[in-house]
Each structure stands twice: as C-alpha cells, then as structure tokens.
N, C-alpha and C. Protein backbone atom coordinates (compact mmCIF):
# COMPACT_ATOMS: atom_id res chain seq x y z
N MET A 1 0.94 -1.20 -0.02
CA MET A 1 0.10 0.04 0.10
C MET A 1 0.92 1.17 0.00
N GLU A 2 0.52 2.24 -0.91
CA GLU A 2 1.34 3.42 -0.99
C GLU A 2 0.79 4.45 -0.10
N LEU A 3 1.61 5.16 0.69
CA LEU A 3 1.07 6.24 1.56
C LEU A 3 0.72 7.46 0.64
N ILE A 4 -0.18 8.16 1.17
CA ILE A 4 -0.68 9.28 0.33
C ILE A 4 0.37 10.37 0.11
N ASP A 5 0.97 10.65 1.29
CA ASP A 5 2.13 11.73 1.15
C ASP A 5 3.47 11.16 0.69
N ALA A 6 3.73 10.05 0.17
CA ALA A 6 4.91 9.53 -0.33
C ALA A 6 5.35 10.12 -1.63
N PRO A 7 6.39 10.55 -1.70
CA PRO A 7 6.72 11.14 -3.17
C PRO A 7 6.87 9.98 -4.22
N ARG A 8 6.31 10.35 -5.45
CA ARG A 8 6.19 9.48 -6.48
C ARG A 8 7.41 9.86 -7.38
N TRP A 9 8.61 9.46 -7.32
CA TRP A 9 9.57 9.97 -8.17
C TRP A 9 9.51 9.56 -9.70
N ARG A 10 9.95 10.54 -10.49
CA ARG A 10 10.04 10.12 -12.01
C ARG A 10 11.22 10.90 -12.44
N LYS A 11 12.07 10.19 -13.44
CA LYS A 11 13.19 10.74 -14.00
C LYS A 11 12.85 11.85 -14.96
N SER A 12 13.92 12.70 -15.21
CA SER A 12 13.71 13.70 -16.15
C SER A 12 13.52 13.14 -17.62
N SER A 13 12.68 13.87 -18.37
CA SER A 13 12.51 13.34 -19.71
C SER A 13 13.70 13.54 -20.53
N ARG A 14 14.58 14.39 -20.01
CA ARG A 14 15.85 14.47 -20.83
C ARG A 14 17.00 13.44 -20.46
N SER A 15 16.51 12.51 -19.60
CA SER A 15 17.52 11.60 -19.28
C SER A 15 17.71 10.46 -20.31
N ASN A 16 18.76 10.12 -20.66
CA ASN A 16 19.13 9.24 -21.68
C ASN A 16 19.17 7.75 -21.35
N GLY A 17 18.98 7.56 -20.12
CA GLY A 17 18.94 6.08 -19.50
C GLY A 17 20.37 5.40 -19.59
N GLN A 18 21.38 6.16 -19.87
CA GLN A 18 22.80 5.56 -19.78
C GLN A 18 23.41 5.81 -18.47
N GLY A 19 22.85 6.14 -17.50
CA GLY A 19 23.56 6.23 -16.22
C GLY A 19 24.06 7.43 -15.90
N GLY A 20 23.87 8.46 -16.81
CA GLY A 20 24.66 9.83 -16.69
C GLY A 20 24.08 10.78 -15.62
N ASP A 21 24.08 11.98 -15.74
CA ASP A 21 23.64 12.97 -14.81
C ASP A 21 22.09 13.09 -15.01
N CYS A 22 21.45 12.73 -14.04
CA CYS A 22 19.92 12.74 -14.11
C CYS A 22 19.35 13.38 -12.85
N VAL A 23 18.13 13.97 -13.04
CA VAL A 23 17.48 14.40 -11.84
C VAL A 23 16.09 13.62 -11.77
N GLU A 24 15.55 13.57 -10.68
CA GLU A 24 14.34 13.05 -10.38
C GLU A 24 13.43 13.93 -9.78
N VAL A 25 12.07 13.94 -10.26
CA VAL A 25 11.09 15.02 -9.60
C VAL A 25 9.96 14.26 -8.99
N ALA A 26 9.46 14.73 -7.82
CA ALA A 26 8.21 14.24 -7.35
C ALA A 26 7.38 15.46 -7.22
N ASP A 27 6.22 15.49 -7.96
CA ASP A 27 5.32 16.59 -7.93
C ASP A 27 3.99 16.24 -7.43
N ASN A 28 3.79 15.19 -6.61
CA ASN A 28 2.57 14.68 -6.36
C ASN A 28 2.23 15.06 -4.94
N LEU A 29 3.05 15.95 -4.33
CA LEU A 29 2.92 16.22 -2.96
C LEU A 29 2.10 17.65 -2.87
N PRO A 30 1.24 17.82 -1.97
CA PRO A 30 0.42 19.08 -2.10
C PRO A 30 1.42 20.28 -1.57
N GLY A 31 1.47 21.21 -2.36
CA GLY A 31 2.17 22.51 -1.99
C GLY A 31 3.67 22.42 -2.10
N ARG A 32 4.20 21.32 -2.64
CA ARG A 32 5.72 21.35 -2.90
C ARG A 32 6.09 20.33 -4.06
N VAL A 33 7.31 20.63 -4.45
CA VAL A 33 7.88 19.75 -5.58
C VAL A 33 9.28 19.39 -5.23
N LEU A 34 9.52 18.11 -5.17
CA LEU A 34 10.95 17.72 -4.60
C LEU A 34 11.80 17.25 -5.91
N VAL A 35 13.14 17.68 -5.67
CA VAL A 35 14.12 17.34 -6.84
C VAL A 35 15.27 16.75 -6.11
N ARG A 36 15.60 15.51 -6.75
CA ARG A 36 16.87 14.90 -6.21
C ARG A 36 17.85 14.30 -7.46
N ASP A 37 19.06 14.13 -7.05
CA ASP A 37 19.97 13.48 -7.80
C ASP A 37 19.71 11.97 -7.88
N SER A 38 19.43 11.56 -9.10
CA SER A 38 19.19 10.14 -9.35
C SER A 38 20.12 9.04 -8.83
N LYS A 39 21.41 9.57 -8.87
CA LYS A 39 22.61 8.93 -8.26
C LYS A 39 22.74 8.81 -6.89
N ASP A 40 22.06 9.56 -6.20
CA ASP A 40 22.08 9.60 -4.75
C ASP A 40 20.72 9.68 -4.14
N ARG A 41 20.04 8.71 -4.36
CA ARG A 41 18.52 8.67 -3.96
C ARG A 41 18.40 8.82 -2.40
N GLN A 42 19.23 8.45 -1.69
CA GLN A 42 19.17 8.72 -0.33
C GLN A 42 19.68 9.93 0.06
N GLY A 43 20.32 10.77 -0.62
CA GLY A 43 20.76 12.00 -0.40
C GLY A 43 19.68 13.19 -0.17
N PRO A 44 20.08 14.41 -0.05
CA PRO A 44 19.17 15.34 0.03
C PRO A 44 18.38 15.68 -1.15
N ALA A 45 17.21 16.25 -0.85
CA ALA A 45 16.34 16.69 -2.05
C ALA A 45 16.04 18.10 -1.90
N LEU A 46 15.86 18.82 -3.04
CA LEU A 46 15.63 20.30 -2.97
C LEU A 46 14.00 20.44 -2.96
N THR A 47 13.58 21.28 -2.31
CA THR A 47 12.04 21.50 -2.28
C THR A 47 11.62 22.87 -2.95
N PHE A 48 10.63 22.93 -3.78
CA PHE A 48 10.32 24.08 -4.37
C PHE A 48 8.70 24.20 -4.14
N GLY A 49 8.25 25.45 -4.11
CA GLY A 49 6.80 25.67 -4.19
C GLY A 49 6.41 25.54 -5.69
N PRO A 50 5.12 25.09 -5.83
CA PRO A 50 4.67 25.03 -7.14
C PRO A 50 4.89 26.18 -8.12
N ALA A 51 4.68 27.42 -7.75
CA ALA A 51 4.84 28.53 -8.52
C ALA A 51 6.43 28.69 -8.98
N ALA A 52 7.18 28.50 -7.90
CA ALA A 52 8.70 28.52 -8.29
C ALA A 52 9.08 27.44 -9.23
N TRP A 53 8.65 26.29 -9.14
CA TRP A 53 9.03 25.16 -10.06
C TRP A 53 8.39 25.43 -11.38
N CYS A 54 7.32 25.90 -11.42
CA CYS A 54 6.71 26.25 -12.83
C CYS A 54 7.64 27.33 -13.58
N ALA A 55 8.07 28.34 -12.67
CA ALA A 55 8.79 29.30 -13.33
C ALA A 55 10.17 28.86 -13.78
N PHE A 56 10.68 27.89 -12.96
CA PHE A 56 12.07 27.35 -13.37
C PHE A 56 11.90 26.51 -14.63
N VAL A 57 10.86 25.56 -14.60
CA VAL A 57 10.61 24.78 -15.84
C VAL A 57 10.33 25.52 -17.11
N GLY A 58 9.52 26.63 -16.98
CA GLY A 58 9.31 27.44 -17.89
C GLY A 58 10.57 28.18 -18.64
N GLY A 59 11.36 28.70 -17.68
CA GLY A 59 12.67 29.28 -17.99
C GLY A 59 13.64 28.44 -18.71
N VAL A 60 13.62 27.22 -18.27
CA VAL A 60 14.52 26.08 -18.96
C VAL A 60 13.99 25.63 -20.26
N SER A 61 12.83 25.63 -20.43
CA SER A 61 12.32 25.17 -21.77
C SER A 61 12.26 26.20 -22.67
N ARG A 62 12.45 27.51 -22.31
CA ARG A 62 12.80 28.55 -23.44
C ARG A 62 14.17 28.77 -23.87
N ARG A 63 15.11 27.94 -23.27
CA ARG A 63 16.42 28.20 -23.52
C ARG A 63 16.85 27.48 -24.77
N PRO A 64 17.84 27.98 -25.53
CA PRO A 64 18.00 27.19 -26.87
C PRO A 64 18.75 25.89 -26.76
C-alpha cells in the first residue's frame, strides 16, 4: 500500500537512460515539488513551491 504523502519519483524526460547525470522529480505532494539526484537517492532533495517550480521549468524550456 502506498502512503498518500509518499513522493512518487520520476526521471527527467531529458534522461538518456545511460546512467549519466539525471534528476528525479516528485510533484505529487500538496504544495511542494521535490528534486533529487538520481545517483544519490538517499541524499538530500531540493524543495520548491509549485509557482517557483513552474517558473524554473518555463525558463529552462525557453533556453536554446
């Protein structure tokens, strides 16, 4: 059984699956988005508010 407040991690869509530098995002938690290094899953995670995460993703997606 999955806990309601347990993060559901997914890899970046930019990940090539070759074990390189990847990030994982959990955006299923109320009021926050978590980001972690896929190579250090037990390490720290960054926490963003939903508005800050949307601004970040929007800025990154507009870069050439």
